[in-house]
Amino acid sequence: MQATATTTENVQLTLPDVDLSFLRTISKKMGWSIKIQRKSGIEKGLEDIRKGNVYHAKNSTDLINQILG
């Protein structure tokens, strides 16, 4: 009998953080591997800039009010 080659696929899923433990449990039982890529703070900041989520303060008091408000 001839052995068949196993092919693999890379799949990207977007799911809530609360479901991650469930996915890990399933993947362990199925023999799958999971690689989680998290964005660094710099990547998140650059993404905010690209989206236009940038705020300018008039002065230091306005800045503090934006941070605390």
Protein backbone atom coordinates (compact mmCIF):
# COMPACT_ATOMS: atom_id res chain seq x y z
CA MET A 1 0.00 0.00 0.00
CA GLN A 2 1.29 3.45 -0.90
CA ALA A 3 1.24 6.29 1.63
CA THR A 4 -0.59 9.42 0.58
CA ALA A 5 0.99 12.82 1.03
CA THR A 6 -0.75 15.20 3.39
CA THR A 7 -1.17 18.73 2.13
CA THR A 8 -1.69 21.67 4.43
CA GLU A 9 -3.33 25.06 4.07
CA ASN A 10 -2.67 28.26 5.96
CA VAL A 11 -5.92 29.85 7.09
CA GLN A 12 -6.45 33.22 8.72
CA LEU A 13 -9.34 33.48 11.18
CA THR A 14 -10.72 36.52 12.91
CA LEU A 15 -12.48 35.66 16.14
CA PRO A 16 -13.20 37.18 19.53
CA ASP A 17 -10.56 36.74 22.24
CA VAL A 18 -13.04 34.77 24.37
CA ASP A 19 -13.17 32.01 21.71
CA LEU A 20 -9.40 31.60 21.46
CA SER A 21 -9.21 28.97 24.22
CA PHE A 22 -11.93 26.97 22.44
CA LEU A 23 -9.95 27.11 19.20
CA ARG A 24 -6.81 25.97 21.02
CA THR A 25 -8.69 23.01 22.50
CA ILE A 26 -10.04 21.93 19.12
CA SER A 27 -6.70 22.39 17.38
CA LYS A 28 -4.89 20.31 19.99
CA LYS A 29 -7.39 17.44 19.56
CA MET A 30 -7.18 17.61 15.76
CA GLY A 31 -3.38 17.89 15.64
CA TRP A 32 -3.46 21.36 14.12
CA SER A 33 -0.94 24.08 14.91
CA ILE A 34 -1.86 27.65 15.76
CA LYS A 35 0.34 30.68 15.22
CA ILE A 36 -0.99 33.89 16.72
CA GLN A 37 0.33 37.15 15.33
CA ARG A 38 -0.31 40.12 17.55
CA LYS A 39 0.25 43.70 16.46
CA SER A 40 2.88 45.69 18.30
CA GLY A 41 2.07 49.08 19.80
CA ILE A 42 3.87 50.78 16.93
CA GLU A 43 1.83 48.82 14.36
CA LYS A 44 -1.39 49.76 16.16
CA GLY A 45 -0.33 53.42 16.27
CA LEU A 46 0.56 53.51 12.58
CA GLU A 47 -2.78 51.89 11.77
CA ASP A 48 -4.56 54.60 13.78
CA ILE A 49 -2.68 57.29 11.86
CA ARG A 50 -3.66 55.70 8.52
CA LYS A 51 -7.30 55.60 9.65
CA GLY A 52 -7.15 59.26 10.70
CA ASN A 53 -7.60 58.57 14.42
CA VAL A 54 -5.30 61.43 15.36
CA TYR A 55 -6.28 64.20 17.74
CA HIS A 56 -4.58 67.55 18.22
CA ALA A 57 -4.65 69.49 21.46
CA LYS A 58 -4.85 73.28 21.57
CA ASN A 59 -2.64 73.42 24.66
CA SER A 60 -1.51 71.29 27.62
CA THR A 61 -4.83 71.74 29.46
CA ASP A 62 -6.76 70.57 26.41
CA LEU A 63 -4.40 67.58 26.10
CA ILE A 64 -4.97 66.56 29.72
CA ASN A 65 -8.75 66.95 29.27
CA GLN A 66 -8.64 64.71 26.18
CA ILE A 67 -6.64 62.06 28.01
CA LEU A 68 -8.74 62.06 31.17
CA GLY A 69 -12.07 62.96 29.61
